[in-house]
Amino acid sequence: MSDVFISYAREDRGKAELLARVFEGQQWTVWSDKVIPPGRKYADVIGAELASAKAVIVLWSAASIASDWVKDEAQEGANRNILVPALIEKVSPPYGFRQVQTADLTAWDGTSSHAELQSLVRGVGGLISKPVSDSELSTDRTTSRKSRLLLYLVAGSFLMLLLGYVGYRLINRTPDTDPNRIGGGQGGNGGQGGNNSNLHVGAAPCDADSRNKAADLTGRGLMMIDPGGSQAAAVLQFDEAVIACPDYTKAYFLRGQSQAALQHNEKAITDFKKVLELATDPEMRQQAQEFIAGLEHPRPTPMPTREPGNTNAIARNTNTGNTGPSNANRATPHPVELTHAQVNDMFAADKSTRIAATTRLIIERKQDAATVQASVRAALAHPENKSGVINTLVYLENVDPAILKQNKAEIEKLLEASKANGAQTADHIKKVQGLLNN
């Protein structure tokens, strides 16, 4: 089993080999079709590698978009939600692949310091849940020894000049009597008035570079949550994002949801309140307020919707003889309808919708047997939706074990079916099984 499967047209072998070296520099395993074991069919080997790879990288070029082999391999990666596309020529990806965020490597010169290449590597690292070695992506690796030596000499000379100037100022300093100077007249005292207490020491301004870095780190965290469900690993990425850019709202918003999933409620509330301070988007603000309300004032467990003795989920209208909701004109959604809508959102096409829905269920429906049943049935009905299945398992990890045991048979069917999703799902299966057996 390889970490990375690279799909490319034979005309692009050189670019694929360069990319493979970058991944191998990260100590990741990369599959290459150059060596096929004797006696094995080419298609069989490819199928096995595709089925076991943790990430599928497709290199789009004029040659690859015309290749049925490449498109089939890319489709397999898309079906498993592990496709990472990259442009190596100025072409439009084939129909069916244009909605996926695509890295632009058209200007990549083969060095590991290329910004778009670095973003791709970090995204793949998040997808396969492996650390990224920043030293392997450092520009220092492509700088000649002579250039570094010259840089050190220049820096050393500047430092000597700076120290000389500081020494001169200390020897010849005069008392500071300017009453408007921040810190008063104690500017020469290294412990008291020399620092401006109004400055946030270590908090660099959030310029374009720091914002881009925060966006990149947030994207890596997002990929760890969905489809991986690795909330704790994602939090580490969001931590780095808010350090890089302290007003990057999306990082706080997503970190709050991960903290809620980990049941770190106080930390989650703090993040959502920070979102309210920073966000201008009305929808994000509303969601943050709803998350805070759910965490601070948990809703009571929903009451069963069936009437005593009535085994049907839908009541019969005795006046008309028709089957339907007992009050079809109600203005607010029926609790069952709301539950199903939230469950369905865990399987939505939009990643943010899936994450938000999962978080809401964790906050509000941890002791709701009906929601557990609905989520498990939805996952069994859509086993091909890997993200939705993992989100369901993440939700189940947070449910009261007593509620889980009431639905043990169906949950175990889901756990068995989910084994086909590969290593990403294995940890979640183990956690839910442990709750059932506890």
Protein backbone atom coordinates (compact mmCIF):
# COMPACT_ATOMS: atom_id res chain seq x y z
CA MET A 1 0.00 0.00 0.00
CA SER A 2 1.40 3.40 -1.02
CA ASP A 3 0.72 6.78 0.52
CA VAL A 4 0.50 8.49 -2.88
CA PHE A 5 -0.58 7.29 -6.33
CA ILE A 6 0.43 9.65 -9.16
CA SER A 7 -1.71 9.47 -12.30
CA TYR A 8 -0.19 10.99 -15.44
CA ALA A 9 0.19 10.57 -19.18
CA ARG A 10 3.41 8.97 -20.39
CA GLU A 11 4.35 12.22 -22.11
CA ASP A 12 4.51 13.82 -18.63
CA ARG A 13 6.71 11.17 -17.00
CA GLY A 14 9.49 13.68 -16.29
CA LYS A 15 7.21 15.99 -14.28
CA ALA A 16 5.69 13.01 -12.46
CA GLU A 17 9.15 11.77 -11.45
CA LEU A 18 10.07 15.21 -10.11
CA LEU A 19 6.90 15.26 -8.03
CA ALA A 20 7.53 11.71 -6.81
CA ARG A 21 10.97 12.80 -5.54
CA VAL A 22 9.38 15.63 -3.57
CA PHE A 23 6.95 13.22 -1.89
CA GLU A 24 9.71 10.68 -1.25
CA GLY A 25 11.70 13.48 0.38
CA GLN A 26 8.85 13.67 2.89
CA GLN A 27 9.41 9.95 3.61
CA TRP A 28 6.10 9.05 1.96
CA THR A 29 5.72 6.01 -0.24
CA VAL A 30 4.88 6.75 -3.88
CA TRP A 31 3.66 4.21 -6.42
CA SER A 32 5.31 4.16 -9.84
CA ASP A 33 4.20 2.09 -12.81
CA LYS A 34 7.77 1.66 -14.02
CA VAL A 35 8.11 -1.70 -12.29
CA ILE A 36 5.38 -4.30 -12.74
CA PRO A 37 6.08 -7.66 -11.03
CA PRO A 38 6.60 -10.53 -13.52
CA GLY A 39 3.43 -12.48 -14.20
CA ARG A 40 1.14 -9.69 -13.03
CA LYS A 41 -1.31 -7.93 -15.34
CA TYR A 42 -0.80 -4.19 -15.72
CA ALA A 43 -4.47 -3.38 -15.03
CA ASP A 44 -4.58 -5.65 -11.96
CA VAL A 45 -1.58 -3.93 -10.42
CA ILE A 46 -3.01 -0.48 -11.07
CA GLY A 47 -6.37 -1.49 -9.60
CA ALA A 48 -4.76 -2.82 -6.43
CA GLU A 49 -2.61 0.28 -5.99
CA LEU A 50 -5.54 2.63 -6.59
CA ALA A 51 -7.69 0.76 -4.08
CA SER A 52 -5.06 0.97 -1.35
CA ALA A 53 -3.51 4.43 -1.95
CA LYS A 54 -4.26 7.13 0.60
CA ALA A 55 -4.13 9.94 -1.99
CA VAL A 56 -4.43 10.04 -5.78
CA ILE A 57 -2.59 12.90 -7.51
CA VAL A 58 -3.62 13.54 -11.12
CA LEU A 59 -1.44 15.70 -13.37
CA TRP A 60 -3.61 17.43 -15.96
CA SER A 61 -1.99 18.28 -19.27
CA ALA A 62 -2.96 18.25 -22.95
CA ALA A 63 -1.93 14.60 -23.07
CA SER A 64 -3.58 13.45 -19.83
CA ILE A 65 -6.99 15.03 -20.46
CA ALA A 66 -7.12 12.92 -23.65
CA SER A 67 -6.15 9.74 -21.81
CA ASP A 68 -8.97 7.41 -20.77
CA TRP A 69 -6.56 5.66 -18.38
CA VAL A 70 -5.79 8.88 -16.53
CA LYS A 71 -9.45 9.90 -16.35
CA ASP A 72 -10.42 6.47 -14.99
CA GLU A 73 -7.72 6.68 -12.34
CA ALA A 74 -8.79 10.22 -11.41
CA GLN A 75 -12.42 9.11 -11.16
CA GLU A 76 -11.44 6.35 -8.74
CA GLY A 77 -9.69 8.93 -6.58
CA ALA A 78 -12.75 11.21 -6.76
CA ASN A 79 -15.06 8.34 -5.79
CA ARG A 80 -12.97 7.76 -2.67
CA ASN A 81 -12.69 11.50 -1.90
CA ILE A 82 -8.89 11.31 -2.06
CA LEU A 83 -8.31 13.05 -5.42
CA VAL A 84 -5.77 15.90 -5.49
CA PRO A 85 -5.57 17.39 -9.03
CA ALA A 86 -2.76 19.58 -10.34
CA LEU A 87 -2.30 21.45 -13.60
CA ILE A 88 1.09 21.05 -15.26
CA GLU A 89 -0.05 22.75 -18.48
CA LYS A 90 -2.55 25.54 -19.14
CA VAL A 91 -5.54 23.30 -19.89
CA SER A 92 -9.07 22.88 -18.57
CA PRO A 93 -9.60 19.65 -16.62
CA PRO A 94 -12.09 17.20 -18.18
CA TYR A 95 -15.79 17.56 -17.42
CA GLY A 96 -16.60 16.09 -14.04
CA PHE A 97 -13.34 17.30 -12.47
CA ARG A 98 -13.71 21.06 -12.74
CA GLN A 99 -15.39 21.56 -9.36
CA VAL A 100 -12.36 20.27 -7.44
CA GLN A 101 -9.76 22.77 -6.20
CA THR A 102 -6.72 22.29 -8.45
CA ALA A 103 -3.10 23.16 -7.73
CA ASP A 104 -1.36 25.22 -10.42
CA LEU A 105 2.06 23.71 -11.16
CA THR A 106 2.32 25.14 -14.67
CA ALA A 107 5.17 27.42 -13.56
CA TRP A 108 6.81 24.87 -11.25
CA ASP A 109 10.55 24.70 -11.95
CA GLY A 110 11.13 21.42 -10.13
CA THR A 111 12.36 22.96 -6.87
CA SER A 112 10.71 22.20 -3.55
CA SER A 113 10.55 25.91 -2.65
CA HIS A 114 7.83 26.68 -5.22
CA ALA A 115 4.83 28.16 -3.33
CA GLU A 116 2.11 26.25 -5.17
CA LEU A 117 4.07 23.01 -4.84
CA GLN A 118 4.42 23.58 -1.10
CA SER A 119 0.67 24.12 -0.79
CA LEU A 120 0.06 20.88 -2.67
CA VAL A 121 2.45 18.93 -0.44
CA ARG A 122 0.86 20.26 2.73
CA GLY A 123 -2.60 19.43 1.43
CA VAL A 124 -1.55 15.86 0.64
CA GLY A 125 0.08 15.56 4.06
CA GLY A 126 -3.22 16.48 5.69
CA LEU A 127 -5.12 14.03 3.50
CA ILE A 128 -2.86 11.07 4.32
CA SER A 129 -2.47 12.17 7.97
CA LYS A 130 1.31 12.38 7.84
CA PRO A 131 3.55 15.25 9.00
CA VAL A 132 5.17 17.56 6.48
CA SER A 133 8.89 18.26 6.82
CA ASP A 134 9.28 22.01 6.38
CA SER A 135 13.05 21.60 6.03
CA GLU A 136 12.46 19.59 2.85
CA LEU A 137 10.42 22.50 1.49
CA SER A 138 12.90 25.17 2.60
CA THR A 139 14.43 27.55 0.09
CA ASP A 140 17.73 26.99 1.91
CA ARG A 141 18.03 23.61 0.21
CA THR A 142 18.25 25.26 -3.20
CA THR A 143 20.62 28.04 -2.15
CA SER A 144 24.25 27.54 -2.99
CA ARG A 145 26.88 27.38 -0.26
CA LYS A 146 28.59 30.42 -1.71
CA SER A 147 25.38 32.47 -1.58
CA ARG A 148 24.78 31.45 2.03
CA LEU A 149 28.31 32.40 3.01
CA LEU A 150 27.91 35.82 1.42
CA LEU A 151 24.59 36.26 3.24
CA TYR A 152 26.21 35.38 6.59
CA LEU A 153 29.05 37.87 6.00
CA VAL A 154 26.64 40.66 5.17
CA ALA A 155 24.44 39.83 8.18
CA GLY A 156 27.48 39.67 10.46
CA SER A 157 28.74 43.06 9.27
CA PHE A 158 25.34 44.61 9.81
CA LEU A 159 25.13 43.13 13.31
CA MET A 160 28.54 44.55 14.25
CA LEU A 161 27.49 48.00 13.04
CA LEU A 162 24.23 47.73 14.96
CA LEU A 163 25.97 46.70 18.20
CA GLY A 164 28.45 49.54 17.79
CA TYR A 165 25.64 52.05 17.36
CA VAL A 166 23.73 50.71 20.38
CA GLY A 167 26.91 50.88 22.48
CA TYR A 168 27.49 54.47 21.42
CA ARG A 169 23.90 55.42 22.34
CA LEU A 170 24.19 53.78 25.77
CA ILE A 171 27.46 55.54 26.56
CA ASN A 172 26.24 58.94 25.39
CA ARG A 173 22.60 58.76 26.42
CA THR A 174 20.86 61.71 28.08
CA PRO A 175 17.77 61.67 30.30
CA ASP A 176 14.55 61.67 28.34
CA THR A 177 12.38 64.53 29.53
CA ASP A 178 9.76 64.39 26.77
CA PRO A 179 6.45 63.94 28.68
CA ASN A 180 4.74 62.62 25.51
CA ARG A 181 7.13 59.70 25.12
CA ILE A 182 5.43 56.34 25.66
CA GLY A 183 6.70 54.87 28.92
CA GLY A 184 7.54 58.20 30.50
CA GLY A 185 11.09 59.33 31.34
CA GLN A 186 12.44 55.84 32.13
CA GLY A 187 13.28 54.92 28.53
CA GLY A 188 16.81 53.92 29.44
CA ASN A 189 15.70 51.48 32.13
CA GLY A 190 15.59 48.07 30.53
CA GLY A 191 12.87 46.77 32.83
CA GLN A 192 10.30 49.53 33.16
CA GLY A 193 9.38 52.08 30.56
CA GLY A 194 11.28 50.76 27.56
CA ASN A 195 8.37 48.67 26.18
CA ASN A 196 5.07 49.98 24.89
CA SER A 197 2.46 48.05 26.82
CA ASN A 198 -0.11 48.83 24.11
CA LEU A 199 1.78 46.76 21.54
CA HIS A 200 1.03 43.05 21.14
CA VAL A 201 4.52 41.63 21.38
CA GLY A 202 4.95 38.71 18.96
CA ALA A 203 1.64 39.38 17.16
CA ALA A 204 2.77 40.28 13.66
CA PRO A 205 0.38 42.31 11.53
CA CYS A 206 -1.85 40.14 9.37
CA ASP A 207 -0.46 41.07 5.95
CA ALA A 208 -1.02 39.25 2.67
CA ASP A 209 1.72 36.71 3.33
CA SER A 210 0.54 35.83 6.84
CA ARG A 211 -3.07 35.63 5.64
CA ASN A 212 -2.06 33.28 2.82
CA LYS A 213 -0.13 31.14 5.29
CA ALA A 214 -3.16 31.03 7.61
CA ALA A 215 -5.40 30.06 4.70
CA ASP A 216 -3.00 27.27 3.73
CA LEU A 217 -2.84 25.93 7.29
CA THR A 218 -6.61 26.16 7.64
CA GLY A 219 -7.02 24.24 4.40
CA ARG A 220 -4.77 21.51 5.74
CA GLY A 221 -6.85 21.33 8.91
CA LEU A 222 -10.04 21.20 6.87
CA MET A 223 -8.75 18.20 4.95
CA MET A 224 -7.91 16.47 8.22
CA ILE A 225 -11.49 16.91 9.46
CA ASP A 226 -13.15 15.93 6.23
CA PRO A 227 -12.87 13.24 5.01
CA GLY A 228 -10.42 12.08 7.70
CA GLY A 229 -12.36 13.00 10.83
CA SER A 230 -9.04 13.72 12.60
CA GLN A 231 -10.28 16.51 14.86
CA ALA A 232 -7.28 16.65 17.20
CA ALA A 233 -4.82 16.84 14.29
CA ALA A 234 -6.94 19.54 12.67
CA VAL A 235 -6.86 21.65 15.84
CA LEU A 236 -3.06 21.76 15.64
CA GLN A 237 -3.28 23.17 12.12
CA PHE A 238 -5.86 25.78 13.16
CA ASP A 239 -3.62 26.73 16.11
CA GLU A 240 -0.81 27.46 13.66
CA ALA A 241 -3.21 29.40 11.43
CA VAL A 242 -4.33 31.80 14.16
CA ILE A 243 -0.70 32.31 15.20
CA ALA A 244 0.19 33.20 11.61
CA CYS A 245 -2.80 35.54 11.24
CA PRO A 246 -4.61 36.39 14.51
CA ASP A 247 -7.68 37.79 12.71
CA TYR A 248 -8.22 34.90 10.28
CA THR A 249 -11.84 34.20 11.17
CA LYS A 250 -12.29 30.88 9.38
CA ALA A 251 -9.56 29.24 11.47
CA TYR A 252 -11.38 30.16 14.71
CA PHE A 253 -14.70 29.01 13.24
CA LEU A 254 -13.41 25.60 12.19
CA ARG A 255 -11.33 25.16 15.34
CA GLY A 256 -14.42 25.83 17.42
CA GLN A 257 -16.23 23.03 15.61
CA SER A 258 -13.34 20.63 16.13
CA GLN A 259 -13.18 21.54 19.82
CA ALA A 260 -16.92 20.88 20.11
CA ALA A 261 -16.47 17.49 18.44
CA LEU A 262 -13.73 16.72 20.96
CA GLN A 263 -16.12 17.87 23.72
CA HIS A 264 -13.81 20.71 24.74
CA ASN A 265 -16.82 22.95 25.15
CA GLU A 266 -15.19 25.91 26.89
CA LYS A 267 -12.51 26.16 24.22
CA ALA A 268 -15.16 25.87 21.51
CA ILE A 269 -17.22 28.67 23.05
CA THR A 270 -14.13 30.90 23.24
CA ASP A 271 -13.45 30.34 19.53
CA PHE A 272 -17.04 31.01 18.49
CA LYS A 273 -17.07 34.23 20.54
CA LYS A 274 -13.90 35.26 18.73
CA VAL A 275 -15.74 34.66 15.47
CA LEU A 276 -18.45 37.07 16.62
CA GLU A 277 -15.75 39.68 17.26
CA LEU A 278 -14.17 39.29 13.85
CA ALA A 279 -16.75 38.03 11.36
CA THR A 280 -18.71 40.29 9.05
CA ASP A 281 -20.46 37.46 7.20
CA PRO A 282 -24.03 37.24 8.60
CA GLU A 283 -24.34 33.49 8.03
CA MET A 284 -21.09 32.72 9.85
CA ARG A 285 -22.11 34.97 12.73
CA GLN A 286 -25.50 33.27 12.99
CA GLN A 287 -23.94 29.82 13.02
CA ALA A 288 -21.44 30.88 15.68
CA GLN A 289 -24.29 32.20 17.86
CA GLU A 290 -26.20 28.94 17.42
CA PHE A 291 -23.15 26.89 18.37
CA ILE A 292 -22.60 29.03 21.47
CA ALA A 293 -26.26 28.68 22.48
CA GLY A 294 -26.12 24.91 22.03
CA LEU A 295 -22.94 24.57 24.06
CA GLU A 296 -23.97 26.92 26.88
CA HIS A 297 -27.56 25.72 27.09
CA PRO A 298 -27.84 22.13 25.81
CA ARG A 299 -31.28 21.29 24.50
CA PRO A 300 -33.22 18.56 26.29
CA THR A 301 -33.36 15.16 24.65
CA PRO A 302 -36.20 15.19 22.09
CA MET A 303 -39.30 13.28 23.16
CA PRO A 304 -40.47 10.32 21.04
CA THR A 305 -42.70 11.48 18.21
CA ARG A 306 -44.92 8.38 18.23
CA GLU A 307 -48.17 8.23 20.15
CA PRO A 308 -48.49 5.42 22.71
CA GLY A 309 -49.47 2.21 21.00
CA ASN A 310 -48.91 3.67 17.52
CA THR A 311 -46.09 1.86 15.71
CA ASN A 312 -46.19 4.20 12.71
CA ALA A 313 -43.90 7.23 12.61
CA ILE A 314 -46.63 9.22 10.80
CA ALA A 315 -49.99 9.79 12.45
CA ARG A 316 -53.22 9.17 10.54
CA ASN A 317 -55.62 12.07 9.98
CA THR A 318 -58.95 10.59 10.99
CA ASN A 319 -60.93 13.45 9.43
CA THR A 320 -59.75 12.87 5.87
CA GLY A 321 -58.64 9.26 5.92
CA ASN A 322 -55.30 10.32 4.40
CA THR A 323 -51.92 9.52 5.88
CA GLY A 324 -49.86 12.58 6.75
CA PRO A 325 -48.53 14.75 9.54
CA SER A 326 -51.11 15.32 12.26
CA ASN A 327 -50.78 19.09 11.76
CA ALA A 328 -49.83 19.79 8.16
CA ASN A 329 -50.14 23.56 8.59
CA ARG A 330 -47.54 23.96 11.37
CA ALA A 331 -45.16 26.86 10.67
CA THR A 332 -42.01 25.27 12.16
CA PRO A 333 -40.37 22.06 10.96
CA HIS A 334 -41.40 18.82 12.63
CA PRO A 335 -38.62 17.49 14.93
CA VAL A 336 -38.31 14.36 12.78
CA GLU A 337 -37.99 16.47 9.62
CA LEU A 338 -35.35 18.63 11.29
CA THR A 339 -33.40 15.55 12.39
CA HIS A 340 -33.41 14.05 8.91
CA ALA A 341 -32.35 17.38 7.38
CA GLN A 342 -29.36 17.58 9.75
CA VAL A 343 -28.42 13.97 9.07
CA ASN A 344 -28.65 14.51 5.31
CA ASP A 345 -26.34 17.54 5.62
CA MET A 346 -23.59 15.21 6.90
CA PHE A 347 -23.58 13.73 3.38
CA ALA A 348 -23.82 17.04 1.50
CA ALA A 349 -21.49 17.94 -1.36
CA ASP A 350 -20.23 21.06 0.42
CA LYS A 351 -17.51 20.30 2.96
CA SER A 352 -18.38 23.17 5.32
CA THR A 353 -22.02 22.04 5.40
CA ARG A 354 -20.96 18.51 6.33
CA ILE A 355 -18.70 19.68 9.15
CA ALA A 356 -21.29 22.11 10.57
CA ALA A 357 -24.03 19.46 10.48
CA THR A 358 -21.84 16.93 12.27
CA THR A 359 -20.95 19.48 14.93
CA ARG A 360 -24.60 20.39 15.50
CA LEU A 361 -25.56 16.74 15.96
CA ILE A 362 -22.70 16.23 18.42
CA ILE A 363 -23.80 19.26 20.43
CA GLU A 364 -27.56 18.72 20.31
CA ARG A 365 -28.28 15.02 19.67
CA LYS A 366 -25.90 13.01 21.80
CA GLN A 367 -28.76 11.24 23.57
CA ASP A 368 -31.29 11.06 20.76
CA ALA A 369 -31.93 7.47 19.67
CA ALA A 370 -33.96 8.59 16.64
CA THR A 371 -31.02 10.62 15.30
CA VAL A 372 -28.66 7.70 15.86
CA GLN A 373 -30.99 5.43 13.88
CA ALA A 374 -31.39 7.98 11.08
CA SER A 375 -27.64 8.62 10.78
CA VAL A 376 -26.72 4.93 10.73
CA ARG A 377 -29.36 4.14 8.11
CA ALA A 378 -28.21 7.05 5.96
CA ALA A 379 -24.61 5.83 6.13
CA LEU A 380 -25.65 2.27 5.25
CA ALA A 381 -27.67 3.62 2.33
CA HIS A 382 -24.71 5.65 1.01
CA PRO A 383 -21.54 3.61 1.65
CA GLU A 384 -19.86 5.27 -1.35
CA ASN A 385 -20.01 8.66 0.43
CA LYS A 386 -16.84 8.23 2.46
CA SER A 387 -17.04 11.68 4.07
CA GLY A 388 -20.63 11.12 5.19
CA VAL A 389 -19.80 7.69 6.62
CA ILE A 390 -16.83 9.07 8.59
CA ASN A 391 -18.93 11.99 9.84
CA THR A 392 -21.54 9.50 11.04
CA LEU A 393 -18.87 7.55 12.93
CA VAL A 394 -17.52 10.79 14.46
CA TYR A 395 -21.06 11.60 15.64
CA LEU A 396 -21.50 8.09 17.07
CA GLU A 397 -18.22 8.46 18.99
CA ASN A 398 -19.87 11.26 20.97
CA VAL A 399 -23.22 9.56 21.62
CA ASP A 400 -24.15 8.17 25.03
CA PRO A 401 -23.01 4.50 24.97
CA ALA A 402 -26.37 3.41 26.37
CA ILE A 403 -28.08 4.90 23.30
CA LEU A 404 -25.57 3.21 21.01
CA LYS A 405 -26.27 -0.18 22.54
CA GLN A 406 -29.97 0.21 21.81
CA ASN A 407 -29.01 0.23 18.12
CA LYS A 408 -26.09 -2.18 18.34
CA ALA A 409 -27.10 -4.51 15.51
CA GLU A 410 -27.41 -1.79 12.87
CA ILE A 411 -24.31 0.03 14.08
CA GLU A 412 -22.25 -3.15 13.81
CA LYS A 413 -23.51 -3.58 10.23
CA LEU A 414 -22.20 -0.07 9.53
CA LEU A 415 -18.86 -0.81 11.17
CA GLU A 416 -18.43 -3.93 9.06
CA ALA A 417 -19.38 -2.10 5.84
CA SER A 418 -17.06 0.81 6.70
CA LYS A 419 -13.97 -1.40 6.78
CA ALA A 420 -13.87 -1.14 2.99
CA ASN A 421 -13.16 2.60 3.33
CA GLY A 422 -9.55 1.92 4.25
CA ALA A 423 -7.16 3.05 6.95
CA GLN A 424 -8.70 6.51 7.40
CA THR A 425 -11.85 4.96 8.82
CA ALA A 426 -10.21 2.25 10.94
CA ASP A 427 -9.59 4.42 14.01
CA HIS A 428 -13.21 5.61 14.08
CA ILE A 429 -14.48 2.04 13.73
CA LYS A 430 -12.33 1.00 16.67
CA LYS A 431 -13.63 3.84 18.87
CA VAL A 432 -17.30 3.14 18.16
CA GLN A 433 -16.80 -0.61 18.64
CA GLY A 434 -15.16 0.11 21.97
CA LEU A 435 -18.19 2.12 23.10
CA LEU A 436 -20.51 -0.71 22.08
CA ASN A 437 -18.45 -3.28 24.00
CA ASN A 438 -17.85 -1.13 27.05
